[in-house]
C-alpha atoms as a PDB file:
ATOM      1  CA  MET A   1     214.832-169.202 -49.841  1.00  0.00           C
ATOM      2  CA  PHE A   2     212.154-167.188 -51.548  1.00  0.00           C
ATOM      3  CA  ASN A   3     213.256-164.259 -53.647  1.00  0.00           C
ATOM      4  CA  ASN A   4     209.753-163.151 -54.441  1.00  0.00           C
ATOM      5  CA  GLN A   5     208.438-162.344 -50.937  1.00  0.00           C
ATOM      6  CA  ARG A   6     205.521-159.949 -50.953  1.00  0.00           C
ATOM      7  CA  GLY A   7     204.097-158.429 -47.806  1.00  0.00           C
ATOM      8  CA  VAL A   8     203.783-155.348 -45.676  1.00  0.00           C
ATOM      9  CA  THR A   9     206.649-154.043 -43.632  1.00  0.00           C
ATOM     10  CA  LEU A  10     206.181-152.960 -40.040  1.00  0.00           C
ATOM     11  CA  VAL A  11     206.737-149.302 -40.989  1.00  0.00           C
ATOM     12  CA  GLU A  12     204.004-149.457 -43.647  1.00  0.00           C
ATOM     13  CA  LEU A  13     201.619-151.112 -41.205  1.00  0.00           C
ATOM     14  CA  LEU A  14     202.258-148.485 -38.486  1.00  0.00           C
ATOM     15  CA  THR A  15     201.832-145.660 -41.007  1.00  0.00           C
ATOM     16  CA  THR A  16     198.512-147.087 -42.199  1.00  0.00           C
ATOM     17  CA  ILE A  17     197.225-147.551 -38.643  1.00  0.00           C
ATOM     18  CA  THR A  18     198.276-143.987 -37.722  1.00  0.00           C
ATOM     19  CA  LEU A  19     196.535-142.466 -40.759  1.00  0.00           C
ATOM     20  CA  LEU A  20     193.412-144.537 -40.142  1.00  0.00           C
ATOM     21  CA  SER A  21     193.371-143.437 -36.488  1.00  0.00           C
ATOM     22  CA  ILE A  22     193.597-139.763 -37.493  1.00  0.00           C
ATOM     23  CA  VAL A  23     190.753-140.140 -40.003  1.00  0.00           C
ATOM     24  CA  LEU A  24     188.569-141.939 -37.437  1.00  0.00           C
ATOM     25  CA  ALA A  25     189.291-139.271 -34.817  1.00  0.00           C
ATOM     26  CA  LEU A  26     188.244-136.527 -37.255  1.00  0.00           C
ATOM     27  CA  ILE A  27     185.061-138.358 -38.199  1.00  0.00           C
ATOM     28  CA  GLY A  28     184.273-138.945 -34.510  1.00  0.00           C
ATOM     29  CA  SER A  29     184.740-135.288 -33.589  1.00  0.00           C
ATOM     30  CA  ILE A  30     182.540-134.165 -36.489  1.00  0.00           C
ATOM     31  CA  HIS A  31     179.865-136.615 -35.362  1.00  0.00           C
ATOM     32  CA  LEU A  32     179.994-135.377 -31.742  1.00  0.00           C
ATOM     33  CA  PHE A  33     179.819-131.750 -32.863  1.00  0.00           C
ATOM     34  CA  SER A  34     176.795-132.549 -35.035  1.00  0.00           C
ATOM     35  CA  GLN A  35     175.066-134.294 -32.138  1.00  0.00           C
ATOM     36  CA  LYS A  36     175.626-131.314 -29.816  1.00  0.00           C
ATOM     37  CA  GLN A  37     174.289-128.913 -32.446  1.00  0.00           C
ATOM     38  CA  PHE A  38     171.221-131.091 -32.951  1.00  0.00           C
ATOM     39  CA  ILE A  39     170.527-131.219 -29.209  1.00  0.00           C
ATOM     40  CA  HIS A  40     170.941-127.436 -28.785  1.00  0.00           C
ATOM     41  CA  GLN A  41     168.768-126.626 -31.778  1.00  0.00           C
ATOM     42  CA  SER A  42     166.099-129.092 -30.645  1.00  0.00           C
ATOM     43  CA  GLU A  43     166.080-127.404 -27.234  1.00  0.00           C
ATOM     44  CA  GLN A  44     165.714-124.000 -28.865  1.00  0.00           C
ATOM     45  CA  VAL A  45     162.866-125.180 -31.122  1.00  0.00           C
ATOM     46  CA  ASN A  46     161.059-126.736 -28.142  1.00  0.00           C
ATOM     47  CA  GLN A  47     161.403-123.480 -26.187  1.00  0.00           C
ATOM     48  CA  GLN A  48     160.056-121.429 -29.093  1.00  0.00           C
ATOM     49  CA  SER A  49     157.197-123.876 -29.546  1.00  0.00           C
ATOM     50  CA  GLU A  50     156.217-123.713 -25.857  1.00  0.00           C
ATOM     51  CA  ILE A  51     156.162-119.913 -25.879  1.00  0.00           C
ATOM     52  CA  ARG A  52     154.226-119.798 -29.138  1.00  0.00           C
ATOM     53  CA  ASN A  53     151.660-122.283 -27.796  1.00  0.00           C
ATOM     54  CA  ALA A  54     151.278-120.284 -24.567  1.00  0.00           C
ATOM     55  CA  ILE A  55     150.701-117.014 -26.454  1.00  0.00           C
ATOM     56  CA  THR A  56     148.249-118.748 -28.785  1.00  0.00           C
ATOM     57  CA  GLU A  57     146.256-120.257 -25.937  1.00  0.00           C
ATOM     58  CA  ILE A  58     146.119-117.005 -23.964  1.00  0.00           C
ATOM     59  CA  SER A  59     145.151-115.035 -27.088  1.00  0.00           C
ATOM     60  CA  ARG A  60     142.403-117.503 -27.969  1.00  0.00           C
ATOM     61  CA  GLN A  61     141.010-117.298 -24.450  1.00  0.00           C
ATOM     62  CA  ILE A  62     141.072-113.477 -24.498  1.00  0.00           C
ATOM     63  CA  ARG A  63     139.368-113.267 -27.896  1.00  0.00           C
ATOM     64  CA  THR A  64     136.424-115.355 -26.699  1.00  0.00           C
ATOM     65  CA  THR A  65     135.939-113.546 -23.394  1.00  0.00           C
ATOM     66  CA  PRO A  66     134.213-110.181 -22.858  1.00  0.00           C
ATOM     67  CA  SER A  67     136.502-107.429 -21.524  1.00  0.00           C
ATOM     68  CA  ASP A  68     134.662-107.120 -18.188  1.00  0.00           C
ATOM     69  CA  GLN A  69     135.798-110.673 -17.320  1.00  0.00           C
ATOM     70  CA  ILE A  70     139.499-109.904 -17.946  1.00  0.00           C
ATOM     71  CA  SER A  71     141.714-108.386 -15.245  1.00  0.00           C
ATOM     72  CA  VAL A  72     145.428-107.711 -14.862  1.00  0.00           C
ATOM     73  CA  SER A  73     147.253-107.366 -11.552  1.00  0.00           C
ATOM     74  CA  GLU A  74     150.968-107.777 -10.750  1.00  0.00           C
ATOM     75  CA  ASN A  75     151.741-109.804 -13.885  1.00  0.00           C
ATOM     76  CA  THR A  76     148.799-112.075 -13.245  1.00  0.00           C
ATOM     77  CA  LEU A  77     146.180-112.314 -15.953  1.00  0.00           C
ATOM     78  CA  LYS A  78     142.694-113.438 -14.981  1.00  0.00           C
ATOM     79  CA  ILE A  79     140.311-114.405 -17.750  1.00  0.00           C
ATOM     80  CA  ASP A  80     136.945-115.384 -16.319  1.00  0.00           C
ATOM     81  CA  ASP A  81     137.901-118.169 -13.875  1.00  0.00           C
ATOM     82  CA  ILE A  82     141.313-118.920 -15.454  1.00  0.00           C
ATOM     83  CA  GLU A  83     144.495-117.392 -14.006  1.00  0.00           C
ATOM     84  CA  TYR A  84     147.814-117.115 -15.873  1.00  0.00           C
ATOM     85  CA  ARG A  85     150.900-116.235 -13.828  1.00  0.00           C
ATOM     86  CA  LEU A  86     154.636-116.750 -13.646  1.00  0.00           C
ATOM     87  CA  GLU A  87     155.869-118.753 -10.681  1.00  0.00           C
ATOM     88  CA  GLY A  88     159.617-119.353 -10.591  1.00  0.00           C
ATOM     89  CA  ASN A  89     160.431-120.205 -14.182  1.00  0.00           C
ATOM     90  CA  GLN A  90     157.070-121.790 -14.996  1.00  0.00           C
ATOM     91  CA  LEU A  91     154.105-120.118 -16.626  1.00  0.00           C
ATOM     92  CA  LEU A  92     151.045-121.513 -14.911  1.00  0.00           C
ATOM     93  CA  LYS A  93     147.465-121.780 -16.078  1.00  0.00           C
ATOM     94  CA  ASN A  94     145.578-122.030 -12.816  1.00  0.00           C
ATOM     95  CA  ARG A  95     147.792-124.612 -11.101  1.00  0.00           C
ATOM     96  CA  SER A  96     149.035-126.545 -14.145  1.00  0.00           C
ATOM     97  CA  VAL A  97     152.230-125.805 -16.068  1.00  0.00           C
ATOM     98  CA  LEU A  98     151.639-124.144 -19.431  1.00  0.00           C
ATOM     99  CA  ALA A  99     155.313-123.447 -20.283  1.00  0.00           C
ATOM    100  CA  GLU A 100     158.677-123.942 -18.592  1.00  0.00           C
ATOM    101  CA  ASN A 101     161.983-122.029 -18.567  1.00  0.00           C
ATOM    102  CA  ILE A 102     160.226-118.671 -18.725  1.00  0.00           C
ATOM    103  CA  ALA A 103     162.234-115.661 -17.564  1.00  0.00           C
ATOM    104  CA  ARG A 104     159.560-112.990 -17.950  1.00  0.00           C
ATOM    105  CA  PHE A 105     155.784-112.828 -18.271  1.00  0.00           C
ATOM    106  CA  SER A 106     154.486-109.301 -18.419  1.00  0.00           C
ATOM    107  CA  ILE A 107     151.018-107.998 -19.085  1.00  0.00           C
ATOM    108  CA  SER A 108     149.895-104.419 -19.463  1.00  0.00           C
ATOM    109  CA  LEU A 109     146.398-103.137 -20.022  1.00  0.00           C
ATOM    110  CA  ASP A 110     146.011 -99.717 -21.624  1.00  0.00           C
ATOM    111  CA  GLY A 111     142.369 -98.947 -22.225  1.00  0.00           C
ATOM    112  CA  SER A 112     141.129-101.703 -24.504  1.00  0.00           C
ATOM    113  CA  LYS A 113     144.649-102.782 -25.555  1.00  0.00           C
ATOM    114  CA  LEU A 114     146.174-105.743 -23.739  1.00  0.00           C
ATOM    115  CA  LYS A 115     149.890-106.301 -24.328  1.00  0.00           C
ATOM    116  CA  ILE A 116     151.395-109.698 -23.435  1.00  0.00           C
ATOM    117  CA  ASN A 117     155.143-110.391 -23.432  1.00  0.00           C
ATOM    118  CA  ILE A 118     156.688-113.811 -22.746  1.00  0.00           C
ATOM    119  CA  GLU A 119     160.461-114.258 -22.701  1.00  0.00           C
ATOM    120  CA  SER A 120     162.413-117.482 -22.212  1.00  0.00           C
ATOM    121  CA  GLU A 121     165.490-118.089 -20.132  1.00  0.00           C
ATOM    122  CA  GLN A 122     168.823-118.312 -21.927  1.00  0.00           C
ATOM    123  CA  THR A 123     169.600-121.622 -23.543  1.00  0.00           C
ATOM    124  CA  ILE A 124     173.061-123.185 -23.587  1.00  0.00           C
ATOM    125  CA  LEU A 125     173.789-121.250 -26.772  1.00  0.00           C
ATOM    126  CA  LYS A 126     172.783-117.965 -25.028  1.00  0.00           C
ATOM    127  CA  ASP A 127     169.620-117.671 -27.144  1.00  0.00           C
ATOM    128  CA  ILE A 128     166.558-115.973 -25.712  1.00  0.00           C
ATOM    129  CA  THR A 129     163.150-116.403 -27.277  1.00  0.00           C
ATOM    130  CA  ALA A 130     160.689-113.557 -26.785  1.00  0.00           C
ATOM    131  CA  LEU A 131     157.196-113.145 -28.157  1.00  0.00           C
ATOM    132  CA  GLU A 132     154.931-110.172 -27.744  1.00  0.00           C
ATOM    133  CA  THR A 133     151.368-109.629 -28.835  1.00  0.00           C
ATOM    134  CA  THR A 134     148.871-106.825 -28.460  1.00  0.00           C
ATOM    135  CA  LEU A 135     145.192-107.644 -28.400  1.00  0.00           C
ATOM    136  CA  THR A 136     142.187-105.364 -28.532  1.00  0.00           C
ATOM    137  CA  LEU A 137     139.602-106.423 -25.976  1.00  0.00           C
ATOM    138  CA  ARG A 138     136.043-106.855 -27.122  1.00  0.00           C
ATOM    139  CA  GLU A 139     133.153-105.292 -25.305  1.00  0.00           C
END
């Protein structure tokens, strides 16, 4: 017979497979965690972007409109012939959706100061995005 047999025993093979399985499981769980974090953070960034765009658009419209064409009633903002209001969880500009997943849209007019507050609904990570701006109306 052969005295010089080289090879891998069954115990060595099972040990190697077990260690490789553990390493692959760890790598897989890290990958899944990273994917979830990416999805949650992307959702949060999209929500912040929508609110920021809504505030920017409303502010731009207010700055170009004389104060006698701006009215506030029951959290509805009318600027000339454009109406901004919260319906359900959507912020509407006339009848089109300006932003979604909005929890609060509040407007207050104090003399020539118009205060606008937009707040998002909670995300999966329990984050709430809120933006507030105060504008001085022009005559």
